PDB file of N, CA and C in Angstrom:
ATOM      1  N   MET A   1     113.616  59.323 148.909  1.00  0.00           N
ATOM      2  CA  MET A   1     114.349  59.576 149.803  1.00  0.00           C
ATOM      3  C   MET A   1     114.878  60.940 150.240  1.00  0.00           C
ATOM      4  N   SER A   2     114.696  61.449 151.653  1.00  0.00           N
ATOM      5  CA  SER A   2     115.159  62.577 152.130  1.00  0.00           C
ATOM      6  C   SER A   2     116.234  63.207 151.663  1.00  0.00           C
ATOM      7  N   LEU A   3     116.695  64.285 151.788  1.00  0.00           N
ATOM      8  CA  LEU A   3     117.874  64.842 151.371  1.00  0.00           C
ATOM      9  C   LEU A   3     118.917  64.483 152.099  1.00  0.00           C
ATOM     10  N   GLN A   4     118.637  64.464 153.414  1.00  0.00           N
ATOM     11  CA  GLN A   4     119.693  64.266 154.378  1.00  0.00           C
ATOM     12  C   GLN A   4     120.152  62.591 154.503  1.00  0.00           C
ATOM     13  N   ARG A   5     119.532  61.878 153.919  1.00  0.00           N
ATOM     14  CA  ARG A   5     119.987  60.570 153.820  1.00  0.00           C
ATOM     15  C   ARG A   5     120.696  60.044 152.024  1.00  0.00           C
ATOM     16  N   ARG A   6     119.834  60.998 151.141  1.00  0.00           N
ATOM     17  CA  ARG A   6     120.338  61.073 150.118  1.00  0.00           C
ATOM     18  C   ARG A   6     122.075  61.437 149.674  1.00  0.00           C
ATOM     19  N   ARG A   7     122.066  62.589 150.791  1.00  0.00           N
ATOM     20  CA  ARG A   7     123.569  63.089 150.566  1.00  0.00           C
ATOM     21  C   ARG A   7     124.131  63.067 151.869  1.00  0.00           C
ATOM     22  N   GLY A   8     123.918  61.633 152.599  1.00  0.00           N
ATOM     23  CA  GLY A   8     124.317  61.594 153.939  1.00  0.00           C
ATOM     24  C   GLY A   8     125.875  60.916 153.941  1.00  0.00           C
ATOM     25  N   GLN A   9     126.140  60.623 154.912  1.00  0.00           N
ATOM     26  CA  GLN A   9     127.300  59.959 155.212  1.00  0.00           C
ATOM     27  C   GLN A   9     127.502  58.775 154.519  1.00  0.00           C
ATOM     28  N   LYS A  10     128.236  58.346 153.862  1.00  0.00           N
ATOM     29  CA  LYS A  10     128.793  56.888 153.434  1.00  0.00           C
ATOM     30  C   LYS A  10     128.974  55.810 154.872  1.00  0.00           C
ATOM     31  N   ALA A  11     128.486  54.551 154.379  1.00  0.00           N
ATOM     32  CA  ALA A  11     128.797  53.482 155.418  1.00  0.00           C
ATOM     33  C   ALA A  11     128.740  52.199 154.545  1.00  0.00           C
ATOM     34  N   ILE A  12     129.313  51.013 154.960  1.00  0.00           N
ATOM     35  CA  ILE A  12     129.581  49.543 154.642  1.00  0.00           C
ATOM     36  C   ILE A  12     128.483  48.993 155.396  1.00  0.00           C
ATOM     37  N   VAL A  13     127.464  48.294 154.723  1.00  0.00           N
ATOM     38  CA  VAL A  13     126.798  47.017 155.709  1.00  0.00           C
ATOM     39  C   VAL A  13     127.046  45.831 155.311  1.00  0.00           C
ATOM     40  N   TYR A  14     127.728  44.881 156.006  1.00  0.00           N
ATOM     41  CA  TYR A  14     128.175  43.584 155.618  1.00  0.00           C
ATOM     42  C   TYR A  14     127.081  42.617 155.635  1.00  0.00           C
ATOM     43  N   ALA A  15     126.529  41.969 154.726  1.00  0.00           N
ATOM     44  CA  ALA A  15     125.666  41.017 154.457  1.00  0.00           C
ATOM     45  C   ALA A  15     125.739  39.615 155.206  1.00  0.00           C
ATOM     46  N   LEU A  16     125.015  39.036 155.616  1.00  0.00           N
ATOM     47  CA  LEU A  16     125.295  37.828 156.570  1.00  0.00           C
ATOM     48  C   LEU A  16     125.021  36.755 155.657  1.00  0.00           C
ATOM     49  N   ALA A  17     125.617  35.769 156.189  1.00  0.00           N
ATOM     50  CA  ALA A  17     125.642  34.345 155.244  1.00  0.00           C
ATOM     51  C   ALA A  17     125.215  33.069 156.237  1.00  0.00           C
ATOM     52  N   LYS A  18     124.366  31.865 155.949  1.00  0.00           N
ATOM     53  CA  LYS A  18     124.327  30.886 156.556  1.00  0.00           C
ATOM     54  C   LYS A  18     125.325  30.007 156.469  1.00  0.00           C
ATOM     55  N   ILE A  19     126.005  29.388 157.794  1.00  0.00           N
ATOM     56  CA  ILE A  19     126.919  28.470 157.570  1.00  0.00           C
ATOM     57  C   ILE A  19     126.871  27.512 158.333  1.00  0.00           C
ATOM     58  N   THR A  20     127.285  26.196 158.401  1.00  0.00           N
ATOM     59  CA  THR A  20     127.366  25.039 159.131  1.00  0.00           C
ATOM     60  C   THR A  20     128.581  25.009 159.939  1.00  0.00           C
ATOM     61  N   ASP A  21     128.363  25.261 161.537  1.00  0.00           N
ATOM     62  CA  ASP A  21     129.221  24.922 162.097  1.00  0.00           C
ATOM     63  C   ASP A  21     129.809  23.777 162.329  1.00  0.00           C
ATOM     64  N   ASN A  22     130.605  23.316 163.567  1.00  0.00           N
ATOM     65  CA  ASN A  22     131.259  22.307 163.495  1.00  0.00           C
ATOM     66  C   ASN A  22     130.603  20.885 163.952  1.00  0.00           C
ATOM     67  N   ARG A  23     129.427  21.183 164.868  1.00  0.00           N
ATOM     68  CA  ARG A  23     128.398  20.499 165.283  1.00  0.00           C
ATOM     69  C   ARG A  23     127.029  20.272 164.642  1.00  0.00           C
ATOM     70  N   GLY A  24     127.321  20.708 163.162  1.00  0.00           N
ATOM     71  CA  GLY A  24     126.328  20.717 161.897  1.00  0.00           C
ATOM     72  C   GLY A  24     124.982  21.581 162.562  1.00  0.00           C
ATOM     73  N   ASN A  25     125.001  22.607 162.934  1.00  0.00           N
ATOM     74  CA  ASN A  25     124.104  23.510 163.237  1.00  0.00           C
ATOM     75  C   ASN A  25     124.389  24.589 162.059  1.00  0.00           C
ATOM     76  N   VAL A  26     123.386  25.241 161.585  1.00  0.00           N
ATOM     77  CA  VAL A  26     123.126  26.120 160.613  1.00  0.00           C
ATOM     78  C   VAL A  26     122.657  27.761 161.529  1.00  0.00           C
ATOM     79  N   VAL A  27     124.282  28.449 161.294  1.00  0.00           N
ATOM     80  CA  VAL A  27     124.104  29.634 161.685  1.00  0.00           C
ATOM     81  C   VAL A  27     124.499  30.676 160.884  1.00  0.00           C
ATOM     82  N   LEU A  28     124.030  32.207 161.591  1.00  0.00           N
ATOM     83  CA  LEU A  28     124.454  33.121 160.899  1.00  0.00           C
ATOM     84  C   LEU A  28     126.084  33.618 161.005  1.00  0.00           C
ATOM     85  N   LYS A  29     126.460  34.287 160.083  1.00  0.00           N
ATOM     86  CA  LYS A  29     127.706  34.775 160.069  1.00  0.00           C
ATOM     87  C   LYS A  29     128.187  36.532 159.288  1.00  0.00           C
ATOM     88  N   VAL A  30     128.617  37.140 159.818  1.00  0.00           N
ATOM     89  CA  VAL A  30     128.910  38.272 158.954  1.00  0.00           C
ATOM     90  C   VAL A  30     129.707  37.720 157.538  1.00  0.00           C
ATOM     91  N   ASP A  31     129.316  37.993 156.269  1.00  0.00           N
ATOM     92  CA  ASP A  31     129.976  37.817 155.207  1.00  0.00           C
ATOM     93  C   ASP A  31     130.738  39.030 154.755  1.00  0.00           C
ATOM     94  N   GLU A  32     131.791  39.104 154.856  1.00  0.00           N
ATOM     95  CA  GLU A  32     133.054  40.133 154.480  1.00  0.00           C
ATOM     96  C   GLU A  32     133.194  40.449 152.635  1.00  0.00           C
ATOM     97  N   THR A  33     132.748  39.099 152.393  1.00  0.00           N
ATOM     98  CA  THR A  33     132.840  39.397 151.125  1.00  0.00           C
ATOM     99  C   THR A  33     131.522  40.241 150.140  1.00  0.00           C
ATOM    100  N   ARG A  34     130.533  40.242 150.760  1.00  0.00           N
ATOM    101  CA  ARG A  34     129.301  40.728 150.161  1.00  0.00           C
ATOM    102  C   ARG A  34     129.230  42.245 150.816  1.00  0.00           C
ATOM    103  N   PRO A  35     129.627  43.268 150.685  1.00  0.00           N
ATOM    104  CA  PRO A  35     129.697  44.729 151.303  1.00  0.00           C
ATOM    105  C   PRO A  35     128.542  45.601 150.504  1.00  0.00           C
ATOM    106  N   ILE A  36     127.746  46.068 151.224  1.00  0.00           N
ATOM    107  CA  ILE A  36     126.531  46.930 150.778  1.00  0.00           C
ATOM    108  C   ILE A  36     127.002  48.212 151.026  1.00  0.00           C
ATOM    109  N   GLU A  37     127.535  49.189 150.147  1.00  0.00           N
ATOM    110  CA  GLU A  37     127.681  50.589 150.569  1.00  0.00           C
ATOM    111  C   GLU A  37     126.293  51.382 150.628  1.00  0.00           C
ATOM    112  N   VAL A  38     126.010  52.233 151.320  1.00  0.00           N
ATOM    113  CA  VAL A  38     124.667  52.646 151.370  1.00  0.00           C
ATOM    114  C   VAL A  38     125.075  54.449 152.067  1.00  0.00           C
ATOM    115  N   ARG A  39     124.240  55.157 151.853  1.00  0.00           N
ATOM    116  CA  ARG A  39     124.435  56.893 152.103  1.00  0.00           C
ATOM    117  C   ARG A  39     123.504  56.733 153.706  1.00  0.00           C
ATOM    118  N   ALA A  40     123.813  57.314 154.694  1.00  0.00           N
ATOM    119  CA  ALA A  40     122.618  57.012 155.505  1.00  0.00           C
ATOM    120  C   ALA A  40     123.039  58.395 156.579  1.00  0.00           C
ATOM    121  N   ALA A  41     121.967  58.686 157.163  1.00  0.00           N
ATOM    122  CA  ALA A  41     121.797  59.898 157.977  1.00  0.00           C
ATOM    123  C   ALA A  41     122.208  58.880 159.494  1.00  0.00           C
ATOM    124  N   PHE A  42     122.793  59.682 160.336  1.00  0.00           N
ATOM    125  CA  PHE A  42     123.515  59.480 161.920  1.00  0.00           C
ATOM    126  C   PHE A  42     122.642  60.096 162.941  1.00  0.00           C
ATOM    127  N   ILE A  43     121.989  59.645 163.816  1.00  0.00           N
ATOM    128  CA  ILE A  43     121.360  60.402 165.184  1.00  0.00           C
ATOM    129  C   ILE A  43     121.980  59.561 166.395  1.00  0.00           C
ATOM    130  N   PRO A  44     122.788  60.528 167.273  1.00  0.00           N
ATOM    131  CA  PRO A  44     123.065  59.749 168.268  1.00  0.00           C
ATOM    132  C   PRO A  44     122.047  59.628 169.418  1.00  0.00           C
ATOM    133  N   GLN A  45     121.819  58.199 169.822  1.00  0.00           N
ATOM    134  CA  GLN A  45     121.012  57.849 171.075  1.00  0.00           C
ATOM    135  C   GLN A  45     121.128  57.855 172.192  1.00  0.00           C
ATOM    136  N   ARG A  46     122.368  57.079 172.607  1.00  0.00           N
ATOM    137  CA  ARG A  46     122.952  57.200 173.908  1.00  0.00           C
ATOM    138  C   ARG A  46     124.343  57.067 174.037  1.00  0.00           C
ATOM    139  N   SER A  47     124.765  57.332 175.259  1.00  0.00           N
ATOM    140  CA  SER A  47     126.139  56.946 175.349  1.00  0.00           C
ATOM    141  C   SER A  47     126.538  56.569 176.801  1.00  0.00           C
ATOM    142  N   SER A  48     127.599  56.033 176.928  1.00  0.00           N
ATOM    143  CA  SER A  48     128.184  55.840 178.225  1.00  0.00           C
ATOM    144  C   SER A  48     129.637  56.205 178.341  1.00  0.00           C
ATOM    145  N   LYS A  49     130.519  56.853 179.173  1.00  0.00           N
ATOM    146  CA  LYS A  49     131.920  57.082 178.851  1.00  0.00           C
ATOM    147  C   LYS A  49     132.393  56.141 180.151  1.00  0.00           C
ATOM    148  N   ALA A  50     133.599  55.635 179.437  1.00  0.00           N
ATOM    149  CA  ALA A  50     134.375  54.881 180.514  1.00  0.00           C
ATOM    150  C   ALA A  50     135.117  55.644 181.402  1.00  0.00           C
ATOM    151  N   GLU A  51     134.980  55.772 182.684  1.00  0.00           N
ATOM    152  CA  GLU A  51     135.902  56.423 183.383  1.00  0.00           C
ATOM    153  C   GLU A  51     136.885  56.103 184.580  1.00  0.00           C
ATOM    154  N   VAL A  52     136.583  54.552 184.757  1.00  0.00           N
ATOM    155  CA  VAL A  52     137.474  54.028 185.354  1.00  0.00           C
ATOM    156  C   VAL A  52     137.914  52.719 184.990  1.00  0.00           C
ATOM    157  N   PRO A  53     139.516  52.331 185.047  1.00  0.00           N
ATOM    158  CA  PRO A  53     139.922  51.619 184.119  1.00  0.00           C
ATOM    159  C   PRO A  53     139.330  50.286 184.113  1.00  0.00           C
ATOM    160  N   GLY A  54     138.788  49.350 182.980  1.00  0.00           N
ATOM    161  CA  GLY A  54     138.436  48.005 182.816  1.00  0.00           C
ATOM    162  C   GLY A  54     137.075  48.438 182.570  1.00  0.00           C
ATOM    163  N   GLN A  55     136.289  49.409 182.714  1.00  0.00           N
ATOM    164  CA  GLN A  55     135.157  49.986 182.081  1.00  0.00           C
ATOM    165  C   GLN A  55     134.975  49.863 180.354  1.00  0.00           C
ATOM    166  N   GLN A  56     133.861  50.315 179.915  1.00  0.00           N
ATOM    167  CA  GLN A  56     134.107  50.484 178.504  1.00  0.00           C
ATOM    168  C   GLN A  56     133.103  51.442 178.081  1.00  0.00           C
ATOM    169  N   THR A  57     133.453  52.515 176.974  1.00  0.00           N
ATOM    170  CA  THR A  57     132.383  53.119 176.526  1.00  0.00           C
ATOM    171  C   THR A  57     131.545  52.697 175.724  1.00  0.00           C
ATOM    172  N   ILE A  58     130.063  52.956 175.800  1.00  0.00           N
ATOM    173  CA  ILE A  58     129.168  52.533 174.947  1.00  0.00           C
ATOM    174  C   ILE A  58     128.637  53.690 174.089  1.00  0.00           C
ATOM    175  N   ASP A  59     128.954  53.722 172.786  1.00  0.00           N
ATOM    176  CA  ASP A  59     128.072  54.515 171.649  1.00  0.00           C
ATOM    177  C   ASP A  59     126.988  53.757 170.998  1.00  0.00           C
ATOM    178  N   VAL A  60     125.724  54.658 170.890  1.00  0.00           N
ATOM    179  CA  VAL A  60     124.648  53.932 170.042  1.00  0.00           C
ATOM    180  C   VAL A  60     124.280  55.159 169.353  1.00  0.00           C
ATOM    181  N   TYR A  61     124.121  54.564 167.947  1.00  0.00           N
ATOM    182  CA  TYR A  61     123.453  55.667 167.122  1.00  0.00           C
ATOM    183  C   TYR A  61     122.286  55.117 166.455  1.00  0.00           C
ATOM    184  N   ARG A  62     121.437  55.998 165.443  1.00  0.00           N
ATOM    185  CA  ARG A  62     120.666  55.493 164.879  1.00  0.00           C
ATOM    186  C   ARG A  62     120.891  55.847 163.397  1.00  0.00           C
ATOM    187  N   MET A  63     120.741  55.058 162.588  1.00  0.00           N
ATOM    188  CA  MET A  63     121.233  54.967 161.049  1.00  0.00           C
ATOM    189  C   MET A  63     120.005  54.850 160.443  1.00  0.00           C
ATOM    190  N   LEU A  64     119.669  55.829 159.366  1.00  0.00           N
ATOM    191  CA  LEU A  64     118.606  55.820 158.950  1.00  0.00           C
ATOM    192  C   LEU A  64     118.959  55.827 157.200  1.00  0.00           C
ATOM    193  N   VAL A  65     118.075  54.743 156.787  1.00  0.00           N
ATOM    194  CA  VAL A  65     118.733  54.177 155.461  1.00  0.00           C
ATOM    195  C   VAL A  65     117.611  54.131 154.595  1.00  0.00           C
ATOM    196  N   ASP A  66     117.829  53.721 153.177  1.00  0.00           N
ATOM    197  CA  ASP A  66     116.684  53.541 152.059  1.00  0.00           C
ATOM    198  C   ASP A  66     116.175  52.052 152.702  1.00  0.00           C
ATOM    199  N   PRO A  67     114.846  51.829 152.747  1.00  0.00           N
ATOM    200  CA  PRO A  67     114.189  50.658 153.083  1.00  0.00           C
ATOM    201  C   PRO A  67     114.481  49.657 151.997  1.00  0.00           C
ATOM    202  N   ASN A  68     114.741  49.990 150.931  1.00  0.00           N
ATOM    203  CA  ASN A  68     115.031  48.871 150.287  1.00  0.00           C
ATOM    204  C   ASN A  68     116.464  47.851 150.105  1.00  0.00           C
ATOM    205  N   ILE A  69     117.042  48.585 151.143  1.00  0.00           N
ATOM    206  CA  ILE A  69     118.200  47.805 151.432  1.00  0.00           C
ATOM    207  C   ILE A  69     118.281  46.127 152.182  1.00  0.00           C
ATOM    208  N   PRO A  70     118.455  45.282 151.208  1.00  0.00           N
ATOM    209  CA  PRO A  70     118.132  43.495 151.576  1.00  0.00           C
ATOM    210  C   PRO A  70     118.927  43.316 152.597  1.00  0.00           C
ATOM    211  N   ASP A  71     118.351  42.289 153.693  1.00  0.00           N
ATOM    212  CA  ASP A  71     119.618  41.516 154.445  1.00  0.00           C
ATOM    213  C   ASP A  71     119.973  42.432 155.385  1.00  0.00           C
ATOM    214  N   VAL A  72     119.144  43.182 156.491  1.00  0.00           N
ATOM    215  CA  VAL A  72     119.628  43.901 157.220  1.00  0.00           C
ATOM    216  C   VAL A  72     119.036  43.599 158.392  1.00  0.00           C
ATOM    217  N   TYR A  73     119.834  42.721 159.421  1.00  0.00           N
ATOM    218  CA  TYR A  73     119.090  42.004 160.771  1.00  0.00           C
ATOM    219  C   TYR A  73     120.222  42.163 161.835  1.00  0.00           C
ATOM    220  N   VAL A  74     119.609  41.818 162.737  1.00  0.00           N
ATOM    221  CA  VAL A  74     120.150  42.141 164.167  1.00  0.00           C
ATOM    222  C   VAL A  74     121.806  42.147 164.115  1.00  0.00           C
ATOM    223  N   TRP A  75     122.481  40.989 163.463  1.00  0.00           N
ATOM    224  CA  TRP A  75     123.487  40.537 163.724  1.00  0.00           C
ATOM    225  C   TRP A  75     124.761  41.031 162.611  1.00  0.00           C
ATOM    226  N   ASN A  76     124.009  41.705 161.571  1.00  0.00           N
ATOM    227  CA  ASN A  76     125.003  42.420 160.595  1.00  0.00           C
ATOM    228  C   ASN A  76     126.069  43.430 161.107  1.00  0.00           C
ATOM    229  N   ARG A  77     127.073  43.666 160.635  1.00  0.00           N
ATOM    230  CA  ARG A  77     128.026  44.403 160.925  1.00  0.00           C
ATOM    231  C   ARG A  77     128.227  45.830 159.968  1.00  0.00           C
ATOM    232  N   VAL A  78     128.449  47.020 160.451  1.00  0.00           N
ATOM    233  CA  VAL A  78     128.330  48.247 159.913  1.00  0.00           C
ATOM    234  C   VAL A  78     129.728  48.790 160.128  1.00  0.00           C
ATOM    235  N   LEU A  79     130.236  49.325 158.896  1.00  0.00           N
ATOM    236  CA  LEU A  79     131.716  50.021 158.801  1.00  0.00           C
ATOM    237  C   LEU A  79     131.209  51.550 158.554  1.00  0.00           C
ATOM    238  N   TRP A  80     131.495  52.802 159.845  1.00  0.00           N
ATOM    239  CA  TRP A  80     131.021  53.734 159.316  1.00  0.00           C
ATOM    240  C   TRP A  80     132.030  54.574 160.205  1.00  0.00           C
ATOM    241  N   ASN A  81     132.512  55.510 159.691  1.00  0.00           N
ATOM    242  CA  ASN A  81     133.476  56.843 160.679  1.00  0.00           C
ATOM    243  C   ASN A  81     134.895  55.889 160.821  1.00  0.00           C
ATOM    244  N   GLY A  82     135.105  55.219 159.925  1.00  0.00           N
ATOM    245  CA  GLY A  82     136.387  54.549 160.292  1.00  0.00           C
ATOM    246  C   GLY A  82     136.718  53.217 161.553  1.00  0.00           C
ATOM    247  N   ARG A  83     135.296  52.930 161.880  1.00  0.00           N
ATOM    248  CA  ARG A  83     134.974  52.107 163.229  1.00  0.00           C
ATOM    249  C   ARG A  83     134.104  51.460 162.620  1.00  0.00           C
ATOM    250  N   GLU A  84     133.842  49.882 163.389  1.00  0.00           N
ATOM    251  CA  GLU A  84     133.135  49.146 163.378  1.00  0.00           C
ATOM    252  C   GLU A  84     131.826  49.286 164.358  1.00  0.00           C
ATOM    253  N   TRP A  85     130.923  48.841 163.967  1.00  0.00           N
ATOM    254  CA  TRP A  85     129.625  48.766 164.329  1.00  0.00           C
ATOM    255  C   TRP A  85     128.681  47.548 164.455  1.00  0.00           C
ATOM    256  N   ASP A  86     128.057  46.934 165.319  1.00  0.00           N
ATOM    257  CA  ASP A  86     127.087  46.259 165.232  1.00  0.00           C
ATOM    258  C   ASP A  86     125.764  46.413 165.415  1.00  0.00           C
ATOM    259  N   VAL A  87     124.672  45.936 164.537  1.00  0.00           N
ATOM    260  CA  VAL A  87     123.189  46.474 164.650  1.00  0.00           C
ATOM    261  C   VAL A  87     122.720  45.459 165.859  1.00  0.00           C
ATOM    262  N   VAL A  88     122.056  46.501 166.576  1.00  0.00           N
ATOM    263  CA  VAL A  88     121.595  45.883 167.970  1.00  0.00           C
ATOM    264  C   VAL A  88     120.079  45.697 168.173  1.00  0.00           C
ATOM    265  N   ALA A  89     119.475  46.377 167.445  1.00  0.00           N
ATOM    266  CA  ALA A  89     117.853  46.100 167.236  1.00  0.00           C
ATOM    267  C   ALA A  89     117.352  45.808 165.895  1.00  0.00           C
ATOM    268  N   PRO A  90     116.217  44.763 166.137  1.00  0.00           N
ATOM    269  CA  PRO A  90     115.696  44.549 164.584  1.00  0.00           C
ATOM    270  C   PRO A  90     115.247  46.138 164.074  1.00  0.00           C
ATOM    271  N   PRO A  91     115.523  45.934 162.681  1.00  0.00           N
ATOM    272  CA  PRO A  91     115.478  47.399 162.035  1.00  0.00           C
ATOM    273  C   PRO A  91     113.684  47.875 162.076  1.00  0.00           C
ATOM    274  N   ALA A  92     113.622  49.180 162.090  1.00  0.00           N
ATOM    275  CA  ALA A  92     112.157  49.325 161.747  1.00  0.00           C
ATOM    276  C   ALA A  92     111.894  49.941 160.594  1.00  0.00           C
ATOM    277  N   ILE A  93     110.820  49.689 159.803  1.00  0.00           N
ATOM    278  CA  ILE A  93     110.480  50.588 158.789  1.00  0.00           C
ATOM    279  C   ILE A  93     109.639  51.391 158.747  1.00  0.00           C
ATOM    280  N   ARG A  94     109.870  52.555 158.424  1.00  0.00           N
ATOM    281  CA  ARG A  94     108.909  54.048 158.756  1.00  0.00           C
ATOM    282  C   ARG A  94     108.520  54.131 157.260  1.00  0.00           C
ATOM    283  N   TYR A  95     107.084  53.853 157.014  1.00  0.00           N
ATOM    284  CA  TYR A  95     106.387  54.180 155.821  1.00  0.00           C
ATOM    285  C   TYR A  95     105.771  55.726 155.891  1.00  0.00           C
ATOM    286  N   GLY A  96     105.506  55.752 154.502  1.00  0.00           N
ATOM    287  CA  GLY A  96     105.323  57.180 154.619  1.00  0.00           C
ATOM    288  C   GLY A  96     105.203  57.361 152.914  1.00  0.00           C
ATOM    289  N   THR A  97     105.343  58.805 152.668  1.00  0.00           N
ATOM    290  CA  THR A  97     105.442  59.179 150.953  1.00  0.00           C
ATOM    291  C   THR A  97     106.822  58.662 150.479  1.00  0.00           C
ATOM    292  N   ARG A  98     107.190  58.723 149.484  1.00  0.00           N
ATOM    293  CA  ARG A  98     108.326  58.210 148.947  1.00  0.00           C
ATOM    294  C   ARG A  98     109.691  59.112 149.320  1.00  0.00           C
ATOM    295  N   ARG A  99     109.472  60.303 149.781  1.00  0.00           N
ATOM    296  CA  ARG A  99     110.503  61.057 150.141  1.00  0.00           C
ATOM    297  C   ARG A  99     110.700  60.953 151.925  1.00  0.00           C
ATOM    298  N   THR A 100     109.900  60.211 152.504  1.00  0.00           N
ATOM    299  CA  THR A 100     110.232  60.002 153.641  1.00  0.00           C
ATOM    300  C   THR A 100     110.186  58.851 154.367  1.00  0.00           C
ATOM    301  N   ARG A 101     109.767  57.732 153.493  1.00  0.00           N
ATOM    302  CA  ARG A 101     110.094  56.657 153.606  1.00  0.00           C
ATOM    303  C   ARG A 101     111.553  56.059 154.185  1.00  0.00           C
ATOM    304  N   HIS A 102     111.675  55.361 155.447  1.00  0.00           N
ATOM    305  CA  HIS A 102     113.282  55.070 155.602  1.00  0.00           C
ATOM    306  C   HIS A 102     113.190  53.950 156.645  1.00  0.00           C
ATOM    307  N   GLN A 103     114.149  53.258 157.023  1.00  0.00           N
ATOM    308  CA  GLN A 103     114.488  52.129 157.729  1.00  0.00           C
ATOM    309  C   GLN A 103     115.513  52.679 158.842  1.00  0.00           C
ATOM    310  N   SER A 104     115.032  52.546 160.181  1.00  0.00           N
ATOM    311  CA  SER A 104     115.879  53.068 161.199  1.00  0.00           C
ATOM    312  C   SER A 104     116.687  51.857 161.969  1.00  0.00           C
ATOM    313  N   VAL A 105     117.801  51.848 161.810  1.00  0.00           N
ATOM    314  CA  VAL A 105     118.935  50.630 162.399  1.00  0.00           C
ATOM    315  C   VAL A 105     119.625  51.215 163.514  1.00  0.00           C
ATOM    316  N   ASP A 106     119.362  50.581 164.805  1.00  0.00           N
ATOM    317  CA  ASP A 106     120.267  51.229 166.011  1.00  0.00           C
ATOM    318  C   ASP A 106     121.785  50.099 165.906  1.00  0.00           C
ATOM    319  N   ILE A 107     122.787  51.230 165.959  1.00  0.00           N
ATOM    320  CA  ILE A 107     124.006  50.409 165.662  1.00  0.00           C
ATOM    321  C   ILE A 107     125.048  50.943 167.122  1.00  0.00           C
ATOM    322  N   ARG A 108     125.654  49.779 167.581  1.00  0.00           N
ATOM    323  CA  ARG A 108     126.528  50.258 168.484  1.00  0.00           C
ATOM    324  C   ARG A 108     127.650  49.982 168.395  1.00  0.00           C
ATOM    325  N   GLU A 109     128.780  50.632 168.729  1.00  0.00           N
ATOM    326  CA  GLU A 109     130.195  50.511 168.499  1.00  0.00           C
ATOM    327  C   GLU A 109     130.695  49.215 169.238  1.00  0.00           C
ATOM    328  N   ARG A 110     131.807  48.658 168.214  1.00  0.00           N
ATOM    329  CA  ARG A 110     132.346  47.409 168.652  1.00  0.00           C
ATOM    330  C   ARG A 110     133.617  47.849 169.459  1.00  0.00           C
ATOM    331  N   PRO A 111     134.008  47.077 170.597  1.00  0.00           N
ATOM    332  CA  PRO A 111     135.018  47.383 171.364  1.00  0.00           C
ATOM    333  C   PRO A 111     136.319  47.017 170.521  1.00  0.00           C
ATOM    334  N   ASN A 112     137.590  47.727 170.886  1.00  0.00           N
ATOM    335  CA  ASN A 112     138.663  47.236 170.038  1.00  0.00           C
ATOM    336  C   ASN A 112     139.253  46.116 170.351  1.00  0.00           C
ATOM    337  N   ALA A 113     140.225  45.828 169.109  1.00  0.00           N
ATOM    338  CA  ALA A 113     140.522  44.463 169.769  1.00  0.00           C
ATOM    339  C   ALA A 113     141.603  44.173 171.009  1.00  0.00           C
ATOM    340  N   ALA A 114     142.035  45.594 171.491  1.00  0.00           N
ATOM    341  CA  ALA A 114     142.729  45.420 172.992  1.00  0.00           C
ATOM    342  C   ALA A 114     141.744  45.054 173.912  1.00  0.00           C
ATOM    343  N   GLY A 115     140.518  45.135 173.693  1.00  0.00           N
ATOM    344  CA  GLY A 115     139.741  44.621 174.973  1.00  0.00           C
ATOM    345  C   GLY A 115     139.325  45.788 175.594  1.00  0.00           C
ATOM    346  N   GLU A 116     140.174  47.033 175.474  1.00  0.00           N
ATOM    347  CA  GLU A 116     139.441  48.197 176.257  1.00  0.00           C
ATOM    348  C   GLU A 116     138.686  48.901 175.689  1.00  0.00           C
ATOM    349  N   GLY A 117     138.375  50.088 176.415  1.00  0.00           N
ATOM    350  CA  GLY A 117     136.997  50.975 176.080  1.00  0.00           C
ATOM    351  C   GLY A 117     137.301  51.156 174.229  1.00  0.00           C
ATOM    352  N   VAL A 118     136.339  51.556 174.020  1.00  0.00           N
ATOM    353  CA  VAL A 118     136.475  51.978 172.450  1.00  0.00           C
ATOM    354  C   VAL A 118     136.643  53.352 172.142  1.00  0.00           C
TER     355      VAL A 118
END
């Protein structure tokens, strides 16, 4: 793993759990009882600033983590930098030497509870 990811910023990835909803369907839900602490490098991808009331700011980052982290899917939640983020794209594993091998995960900031911009 590269030095950037080994000494990178701390983040918590919440695993997913399969539950049965009230209609009998098996669905995936974030399991906050199973946090996975990781070290990762973060690269800004795109952003859109809210300039008019009612609009929402969108921040998307790429998180580079160890490829051996289990159960990282599109619906995972990430806690990083004091804010909550959603995984918005399927993780991409980048193969290479042991030092450069990593998993790229795009994350998007969740709107706050008040429903206003983030």
